[in-house]
């Protein structure tokens, strides 16, 4: 039972980290585009 709970917690951490990574990418994409755009022009 304890091993199962541990696995569940681990998968939750992985899912949480993945969602943070995706959100971070979505936020930083326009930011970097803007940064590159302002560097060129």
PDB file of N, CA and C in Angstrom:
ATOM      1  N   UNK A   1       0.834  -1.204   0.000  1.00  0.00           N
ATOM      2  CA  UNK A   1       0.000   0.000   0.000  1.00  0.00           C
ATOM      3  C   UNK A   1       0.872   1.260   0.000  1.00  0.00           C
ATOM      4  N   UNK A   2       1.916   1.222   0.804  1.00  0.00           N
ATOM      5  CA  UNK A   2       2.805   2.376   0.913  1.00  0.00           C
ATOM      6  C   UNK A   2       3.568   2.609  -0.395  1.00  0.00           C
ATOM      7  N   UNK A   3       3.961   1.508  -1.028  1.00  0.00           N
ATOM      8  CA  UNK A   3       4.666   1.589  -2.306  1.00  0.00           C
ATOM      9  C   UNK A   3       3.790   2.183  -3.392  1.00  0.00           C
ATOM     10  N   UNK A   4       2.513   1.840  -3.362  1.00  0.00           N
ATOM     11  CA  UNK A   4       1.546   2.338  -4.333  1.00  0.00           C
ATOM     12  C   UNK A   4       1.347   3.846  -4.156  1.00  0.00           C
ATOM     13  N   UNK A   5       1.244   4.274  -2.915  1.00  0.00           N
ATOM     14  CA  UNK A   5       1.082   5.700  -2.606  1.00  0.00           C
ATOM     15  C   UNK A   5       2.301   6.502  -3.067  1.00  0.00           C
ATOM     16  N   UNK A   6       3.470   5.918  -2.879  1.00  0.00           N
ATOM     17  CA  UNK A   6       4.710   6.571  -3.279  1.00  0.00           C
ATOM     18  C   UNK A   6       4.758   6.751  -4.792  1.00  0.00           C
ATOM     19  N   UNK A   7       4.330   5.717  -5.522  1.00  0.00           N
ATOM     20  CA  UNK A   7       4.302   5.769  -6.983  1.00  0.00           C
ATOM     21  C   UNK A   7       3.321   6.840  -7.458  1.00  0.00           C
ATOM     22  N   UNK A   8       2.190   6.915  -6.774  1.00  0.00           N
ATOM     23  CA  UNK A   8       1.160   7.902  -7.099  1.00  0.00           C
ATOM     24  C   UNK A   8       1.695   9.323  -6.910  1.00  0.00           C
ATOM     25  N   UNK A   9       2.402   9.525  -5.813  1.00  0.00           N
ATOM     26  CA  UNK A   9       2.985  10.833  -5.510  1.00  0.00           C
ATOM     27  C   UNK A   9       4.036  11.197  -6.549  1.00  0.00           C
ATOM     28  N   UNK A  10       4.854  10.235  -6.933  1.00  0.00           N
ATOM     29  CA  UNK A  10       5.895  10.465  -7.935  1.00  0.00           C
ATOM     30  C   UNK A  10       5.294  10.880  -9.266  1.00  0.00           C
ATOM     31  N   UNK A  11       4.239  10.192  -9.695  1.00  0.00           N
ATOM     32  CA  UNK A  11       3.595  10.514 -10.967  1.00  0.00           C
ATOM     33  C   UNK A  11       2.943  11.891 -10.909  1.00  0.00           C
ATOM     34  N   UNK A  12       2.398  12.254  -9.746  1.00  0.00           N
ATOM     35  CA  UNK A  12       1.808  13.580  -9.563  1.00  0.00           C
ATOM     36  C   UNK A  12       2.863  14.670  -9.697  1.00  0.00           C
ATOM     37  N   UNK A  13       4.037  14.426  -9.150  1.00  0.00           N
ATOM     38  CA  UNK A  13       5.154  15.371  -9.232  1.00  0.00           C
ATOM     39  C   UNK A  13       5.582  15.530 -10.691  1.00  0.00           C
ATOM     40  N   UNK A  14       5.660  14.420 -11.412  1.00  0.00           N
ATOM     41  CA  UNK A  14       6.048  14.433 -12.828  1.00  0.00           C
ATOM     42  C   UNK A  14       5.036  15.227 -13.648  1.00  0.00           C
ATOM     43  N   UNK A  15       3.754  14.972 -13.434  1.00  0.00           N
ATOM     44  CA  UNK A  15       2.684  15.677 -14.146  1.00  0.00           C
ATOM     45  C   UNK A  15       2.743  17.174 -13.830  1.00  0.00           C
ATOM     46  N   UNK A  16       2.942  17.503 -12.577  1.00  0.00           N
ATOM     47  CA  UNK A  16       3.025  18.890 -12.121  1.00  0.00           C
ATOM     48  C   UNK A  16       4.210  19.609 -12.775  1.00  0.00           C
ATOM     49  N   UNK A  17       5.358  18.948 -12.791  1.00  0.00           N
ATOM     50  CA  UNK A  17       6.558  19.513 -13.402  1.00  0.00           C
ATOM     51  C   UNK A  17       6.361  19.709 -14.902  1.00  0.00           C
ATOM     52  N   UNK A  18       5.694  18.752 -15.539  1.00  0.00           N
ATOM     53  CA  UNK A  18       5.428  18.816 -16.975  1.00  0.00           C
ATOM     54  C   UNK A  18       4.527  19.997 -17.310  1.00  0.00           C
ATOM     55  N   UNK A  19       3.478  20.184 -16.518  1.00  0.00           N
ATOM     56  CA  UNK A  19       2.547  21.294 -16.760  1.00  0.00           C
ATOM     57  C   UNK A  19       3.230  22.643 -16.555  1.00  0.00           C
ATOM     58  N   UNK A  20       4.099  22.738 -15.550  1.00  0.00           N
ATOM     59  CA  UNK A  20       4.862  23.963 -15.300  1.00  0.00           C
ATOM     60  C   UNK A  20       5.778  24.246 -16.488  1.00  0.00           C
ATOM     61  N   UNK A  21       6.439  23.200 -16.995  1.00  0.00           N
ATOM     62  CA  UNK A  21       7.341  23.314 -18.138  1.00  0.00           C
ATOM     63  C   UNK A  21       6.604  23.812 -19.376  1.00  0.00           C
ATOM     64  N   UNK A  22       5.417  23.247 -19.631  1.00  0.00           N
ATOM     65  CA  UNK A  22       4.604  23.633 -20.791  1.00  0.00           C
ATOM     66  C   UNK A  22       4.145  25.091 -20.651  1.00  0.00           C
ATOM     67  N   UNK A  23       3.648  25.446 -19.473  1.00  0.00           N
ATOM     68  CA  UNK A  23       3.180  26.815 -19.213  1.00  0.00           C
ATOM     69  C   UNK A  23       4.343  27.800 -19.372  1.00  0.00           C
ATOM     70  N   UNK A  24       5.488  27.454 -18.832  1.00  0.00           N
ATOM     71  CA  UNK A  24       6.685  28.294 -18.929  1.00  0.00           C
ATOM     72  C   UNK A  24       7.079  28.511 -20.385  1.00  0.00           C
ATOM     73  N   UNK A  25       7.033  27.436 -21.184  1.00  0.00           N
ATOM     74  CA  UNK A  25       7.350  27.529 -22.610  1.00  0.00           C
ATOM     75  C   UNK A  25       6.380  28.444 -23.337  1.00  0.00           C
ATOM     76  N   UNK A  26       5.088  28.307 -23.045  1.00  0.00           N
ATOM     77  CA  UNK A  26       4.060  29.125 -23.688  1.00  0.00           C
ATOM     78  C   UNK A  26       4.219  30.598 -23.332  1.00  0.00           C
ATOM     79  N   UNK A  27       4.636  30.876 -22.103  1.00  0.00           N
ATOM     80  CA  UNK A  27       4.828  32.258 -21.651  1.00  0.00           C
ATOM     81  C   UNK A  27       6.110  32.839 -22.254  1.00  0.00           C
ATOM     82  N   UNK A  28       7.174  32.055 -22.263  1.00  0.00           N
ATOM     83  CA  UNK A  28       8.471  32.552 -22.708  1.00  0.00           C
ATOM     84  C   UNK A  28       8.593  32.670 -24.224  1.00  0.00           C
ATOM     85  N   UNK A  29       7.800  31.898 -24.983  1.00  0.00           N
ATOM     86  CA  UNK A  29       7.857  31.955 -26.450  1.00  0.00           C
ATOM     87  C   UNK A  29       7.618  33.369 -26.987  1.00  0.00           C
ATOM     88  N   UNK A  30       6.487  34.013 -26.660  1.00  0.00           N
ATOM     89  CA  UNK A  30       6.262  35.374 -27.158  1.00  0.00           C
ATOM     90  C   UNK A  30       7.297  36.367 -26.632  1.00  0.00           C
ATOM     91  N   UNK A  31       7.751  36.130 -25.411  1.00  0.00           N
ATOM     92  CA  UNK A  31       8.755  36.992 -24.792  1.00  0.00           C
ATOM     93  C   UNK A  31      10.060  36.956 -25.588  1.00  0.00           C
ATOM     94  N   UNK A  32      10.501  35.762 -25.959  1.00  0.00           N
ATOM     95  CA  UNK A  32      11.731  35.618 -26.734  1.00  0.00           C
ATOM     96  C   UNK A  32      11.568  36.164 -28.140  1.00  0.00           C
ATOM     97  N   UNK A  33      10.394  35.968 -28.730  1.00  0.00           N
ATOM     98  CA  UNK A  33      10.105  36.516 -30.057  1.00  0.00           C
ATOM     99  C   UNK A  33      10.206  38.035 -30.017  1.00  0.00           C
ATOM    100  N   UNK A  34       9.638  38.623 -28.974  1.00  0.00           N
ATOM    101  CA  UNK A  34       9.667  40.073 -28.779  1.00  0.00           C
ATOM    102  C   UNK A  34      11.108  40.541 -28.600  1.00  0.00           C
ATOM    103  N   UNK A  35      11.863  39.778 -27.830  1.00  0.00           N
ATOM    104  CA  UNK A  35      13.255  40.100 -27.547  1.00  0.00           C
ATOM    105  C   UNK A  35      14.082  40.074 -28.834  1.00  0.00           C
ATOM    106  N   UNK A  36      13.905  39.032 -29.632  1.00  0.00           N
ATOM    107  CA  UNK A  36      14.617  38.883 -30.905  1.00  0.00           C
ATOM    108  C   UNK A  36      14.179  39.997 -31.863  1.00  0.00           C
ATOM    109  N   UNK A  37      12.888  40.259 -31.877  1.00  0.00           N
ATOM    110  CA  UNK A  37      12.315  41.292 -32.744  1.00  0.00           C
ATOM    111  C   UNK A  37      12.906  42.666 -32.432  1.00  0.00           C
ATOM    112  N   UNK A  38      13.015  42.987 -31.148  1.00  0.00           N
ATOM    113  CA  UNK A  38      13.560  44.281 -30.740  1.00  0.00           C
ATOM    114  C   UNK A  38      15.073  44.343 -30.963  1.00  0.00           C
ATOM    115  N   UNK A  39      15.733  43.197 -30.965  1.00  0.00           N
ATOM    116  CA  UNK A  39      17.174  43.151 -31.219  1.00  0.00           C
ATOM    117  C   UNK A  39      17.467  43.446 -32.689  1.00  0.00           C
ATOM    118  N   UNK A  40      16.621  42.914 -33.580  1.00  0.00           N
ATOM    119  CA  UNK A  40      16.811  43.080 -35.026  1.00  0.00           C
ATOM    120  C   UNK A  40      16.439  44.507 -35.443  1.00  0.00           C
ATOM    121  N   UNK A  41      15.294  44.984 -34.975  1.00  0.00           N
ATOM    122  CA  UNK A  41      14.809  46.306 -35.393  1.00  0.00           C
ATOM    123  C   UNK A  41      15.067  47.345 -34.308  1.00  0.00           C
TER     124      UNK A  41
END
